[in-house]
Amino acid sequence: MTTNSSVARVVAIWFAAGAAVHATGFILIWFGVDLYGPGYPAWRHAAMALVDVSIAWVAVHHPRWLFVALPAWAAEQALVNGIGFFSMAALVAVFSAMTLPRRLSRQFV
């Protein structure tokens, strides 16, 4: 297993988990339970579940496309949630996922 495929698998697992959380949040809203507070709309749970599962699919089937999918996701997070701890953490995670294979490959040359 290469470093690129390892990173892609980790990305796929994290985004699959995110999709599960948002799908659960979408279902729980119909039972009166708000995971993210009363101001978080049901449609956004559904949209984010779809986005997260799409990025997980890209990570598994076309990991080279992550260079487009991950920065787009991080930008969306920053726009919607503002520049705070979580959006900065998302940007750091994207940068790390995008550069880790290159950094590791230089160590073993």
C-alpha atoms as a PDB file:
ATOM      1  CA  MET A   1       0.000   0.000   0.000  1.00  0.00           C
ATOM      2  CA  THR A   2       1.429   3.373  -0.978  1.00  0.00           C
ATOM      3  CA  THR A   3       1.332   6.520   1.102  1.00  0.00           C
ATOM      4  CA  ASN A   4      -1.112   8.081  -1.361  1.00  0.00           C
ATOM      5  CA  SER A   5      -3.557   5.208  -0.987  1.00  0.00           C
ATOM      6  CA  SER A   6      -3.159   5.295   2.809  1.00  0.00           C
ATOM      7  CA  VAL A   7      -4.015   8.996   2.911  1.00  0.00           C
ATOM      8  CA  ALA A   8      -6.943   8.438   0.534  1.00  0.00           C
ATOM      9  CA  ARG A   9      -8.283   5.647   2.754  1.00  0.00           C
ATOM     10  CA  VAL A  10      -8.067   7.827   5.860  1.00  0.00           C
ATOM     11  CA  VAL A  11      -9.864  10.632   4.001  1.00  0.00           C
ATOM     12  CA  ALA A  12     -12.537   8.158   2.853  1.00  0.00           C
ATOM     13  CA  ILE A  13     -13.084   6.878   6.405  1.00  0.00           C
ATOM     14  CA  TRP A  14     -13.361  10.392   7.902  1.00  0.00           C
ATOM     15  CA  PHE A  15     -15.770  11.610   5.239  1.00  0.00           C
ATOM     16  CA  ALA A  16     -17.859   8.426   5.462  1.00  0.00           C
ATOM     17  CA  ALA A  17     -18.120   9.096   9.211  1.00  0.00           C
ATOM     18  CA  GLY A  18     -19.131  12.699   8.472  1.00  0.00           C
ATOM     19  CA  ALA A  19     -21.794  11.457   6.071  1.00  0.00           C
ATOM     20  CA  ALA A  20     -23.144   9.135   8.761  1.00  0.00           C
ATOM     21  CA  VAL A  21     -23.270  11.966  11.319  1.00  0.00           C
ATOM     22  CA  HIS A  22     -25.130  14.273   8.924  1.00  0.00           C
ATOM     23  CA  ALA A  23     -27.524  11.517   7.826  1.00  0.00           C
ATOM     24  CA  THR A  24     -28.232  10.792  11.498  1.00  0.00           C
ATOM     25  CA  GLY A  25     -28.718  14.510  12.156  1.00  0.00           C
ATOM     26  CA  PHE A  26     -31.159  14.713   9.240  1.00  0.00           C
ATOM     27  CA  ILE A  27     -33.204  11.793  10.586  1.00  0.00           C
ATOM     28  CA  LEU A  28     -33.139  13.020  14.194  1.00  0.00           C
ATOM     29  CA  ILE A  29     -34.517  16.438  13.221  1.00  0.00           C
ATOM     30  CA  TRP A  30     -37.762  14.691  12.287  1.00  0.00           C
ATOM     31  CA  PHE A  31     -37.908  13.339  15.861  1.00  0.00           C
ATOM     32  CA  GLY A  32     -37.325  16.775  17.376  1.00  0.00           C
ATOM     33  CA  VAL A  33     -33.637  16.264  18.197  1.00  0.00           C
ATOM     34  CA  ASP A  34     -31.220  18.944  16.965  1.00  0.00           C
ATOM     35  CA  LEU A  35     -27.606  17.776  16.892  1.00  0.00           C
ATOM     36  CA  TYR A  36     -26.214  21.168  15.892  1.00  0.00           C
ATOM     37  CA  GLY A  37     -28.775  23.429  17.501  1.00  0.00           C
ATOM     38  CA  PRO A  38     -32.159  24.761  16.411  1.00  0.00           C
ATOM     39  CA  GLY A  39     -30.713  27.074  13.740  1.00  0.00           C
ATOM     40  CA  TYR A  40     -29.157  24.259  11.688  1.00  0.00           C
ATOM     41  CA  PRO A  41     -31.514  23.470   8.797  1.00  0.00           C
ATOM     42  CA  ALA A  42     -32.474  19.923   7.860  1.00  0.00           C
ATOM     43  CA  TRP A  43     -31.608  20.528   4.206  1.00  0.00           C
ATOM     44  CA  ARG A  44     -28.018  21.306   5.170  1.00  0.00           C
ATOM     45  CA  HIS A  45     -27.686  17.936   6.918  1.00  0.00           C
ATOM     46  CA  ALA A  46     -28.904  16.246   3.750  1.00  0.00           C
ATOM     47  CA  ALA A  47     -26.596  18.320   1.543  1.00  0.00           C
ATOM     48  CA  MET A  48     -23.549  17.733   3.740  1.00  0.00           C
ATOM     49  CA  ALA A  49     -24.275  13.983   3.924  1.00  0.00           C
ATOM     50  CA  LEU A  50     -24.290  13.938   0.112  1.00  0.00           C
ATOM     51  CA  VAL A  51     -21.091  16.010  -0.101  1.00  0.00           C
ATOM     52  CA  ASP A  52     -19.308  13.866   2.487  1.00  0.00           C
ATOM     53  CA  VAL A  53     -20.267  10.572   0.855  1.00  0.00           C
ATOM     54  CA  SER A  54     -19.213  11.985  -2.535  1.00  0.00           C
ATOM     55  CA  ILE A  55     -15.770  12.932  -1.212  1.00  0.00           C
ATOM     56  CA  ALA A  56     -15.426   9.481   0.394  1.00  0.00           C
ATOM     57  CA  TRP A  57     -16.293   7.923  -2.986  1.00  0.00           C
ATOM     58  CA  VAL A  58     -13.727  10.121  -4.746  1.00  0.00           C
ATOM     59  CA  ALA A  59     -11.084   9.129  -2.179  1.00  0.00           C
ATOM     60  CA  VAL A  60     -11.710   5.434  -2.849  1.00  0.00           C
ATOM     61  CA  HIS A  61     -12.212   5.476  -6.628  1.00  0.00           C
ATOM     62  CA  HIS A  62     -10.305   8.539  -7.882  1.00  0.00           C
ATOM     63  CA  PRO A  63      -7.890   9.681  -5.148  1.00  0.00           C
ATOM     64  CA  ARG A  64      -6.067  12.034  -7.523  1.00  0.00           C
ATOM     65  CA  TRP A  65      -9.250  14.134  -7.730  1.00  0.00           C
ATOM     66  CA  LEU A  66      -8.939  14.942  -4.022  1.00  0.00           C
ATOM     67  CA  PHE A  67      -6.762  17.929  -4.929  1.00  0.00           C
ATOM     68  CA  VAL A  68      -9.999  19.542  -6.157  1.00  0.00           C
ATOM     69  CA  ALA A  69     -12.530  18.050  -3.740  1.00  0.00           C
ATOM     70  CA  LEU A  70     -10.724  18.752  -0.457  1.00  0.00           C
ATOM     71  CA  PRO A  71      -9.885  22.442  -1.031  1.00  0.00           C
ATOM     72  CA  ALA A  72     -13.440  23.030  -2.294  1.00  0.00           C
ATOM     73  CA  TRP A  73     -14.826  21.407   0.864  1.00  0.00           C
ATOM     74  CA  ALA A  74     -12.479  23.425   3.104  1.00  0.00           C
ATOM     75  CA  ALA A  75     -13.460  26.662   1.352  1.00  0.00           C
ATOM     76  CA  GLU A  76     -17.157  25.837   1.812  1.00  0.00           C
ATOM     77  CA  GLN A  77     -16.556  25.171   5.503  1.00  0.00           C
ATOM     78  CA  ALA A  78     -14.767  28.506   5.916  1.00  0.00           C
ATOM     79  CA  LEU A  79     -17.533  30.390   4.074  1.00  0.00           C
ATOM     80  CA  VAL A  80     -20.392  28.791   5.987  1.00  0.00           C
ATOM     81  CA  ASN A  81     -18.814  28.521   9.427  1.00  0.00           C
ATOM     82  CA  GLY A  82     -16.518  31.536   9.287  1.00  0.00           C
ATOM     83  CA  ILE A  83     -12.830  31.558  10.030  1.00  0.00           C
ATOM     84  CA  GLY A  84     -12.557  29.888  13.395  1.00  0.00           C
ATOM     85  CA  PHE A  85     -10.995  26.862  15.005  1.00  0.00           C
ATOM     86  CA  PHE A  86     -12.885  24.254  12.968  1.00  0.00           C
ATOM     87  CA  SER A  87     -12.429  25.906   9.582  1.00  0.00           C
ATOM     88  CA  MET A  88      -8.718  26.400  10.312  1.00  0.00           C
ATOM     89  CA  ALA A  89      -8.464  22.754  11.418  1.00  0.00           C
ATOM     90  CA  ALA A  90     -10.130  21.738   8.143  1.00  0.00           C
ATOM     91  CA  LEU A  91      -7.646  23.795   6.135  1.00  0.00           C
ATOM     92  CA  VAL A  92      -4.692  22.301   8.047  1.00  0.00           C
ATOM     93  CA  ALA A  93      -6.068  18.796   7.504  1.00  0.00           C
ATOM     94  CA  VAL A  94      -6.508  19.433   3.776  1.00  0.00           C
ATOM     95  CA  PHE A  95      -2.991  20.835   3.469  1.00  0.00           C
ATOM     96  CA  SER A  96      -1.566  17.872   5.377  1.00  0.00           C
ATOM     97  CA  ALA A  97      -3.472  15.336   3.301  1.00  0.00           C
ATOM     98  CA  MET A  98      -2.359  17.009   0.092  1.00  0.00           C
ATOM     99  CA  THR A  99       1.335  17.312   1.016  1.00  0.00           C
ATOM    100  CA  LEU A 100       1.974  14.256   3.214  1.00  0.00           C
ATOM    101  CA  PRO A 101       2.732  11.864   0.328  1.00  0.00           C
ATOM    102  CA  ARG A 102       5.336  14.278  -1.081  1.00  0.00           C
ATOM    103  CA  ARG A 103       6.928  14.912   2.308  1.00  0.00           C
ATOM    104  CA  LEU A 104       7.169  11.202   3.090  1.00  0.00           C
ATOM    105  CA  SER A 105       8.542  10.290  -0.333  1.00  0.00           C
ATOM    106  CA  ARG A 106      11.410  12.778   0.126  1.00  0.00           C
ATOM    107  CA  GLN A 107      12.420  11.087   3.367  1.00  0.00           C
ATOM    108  CA  PHE A 108      13.056   7.769   1.638  1.00  0.00           C
ATOM    109  CA  VAL A 109      14.913   8.994  -1.441  1.00  0.00           C
END
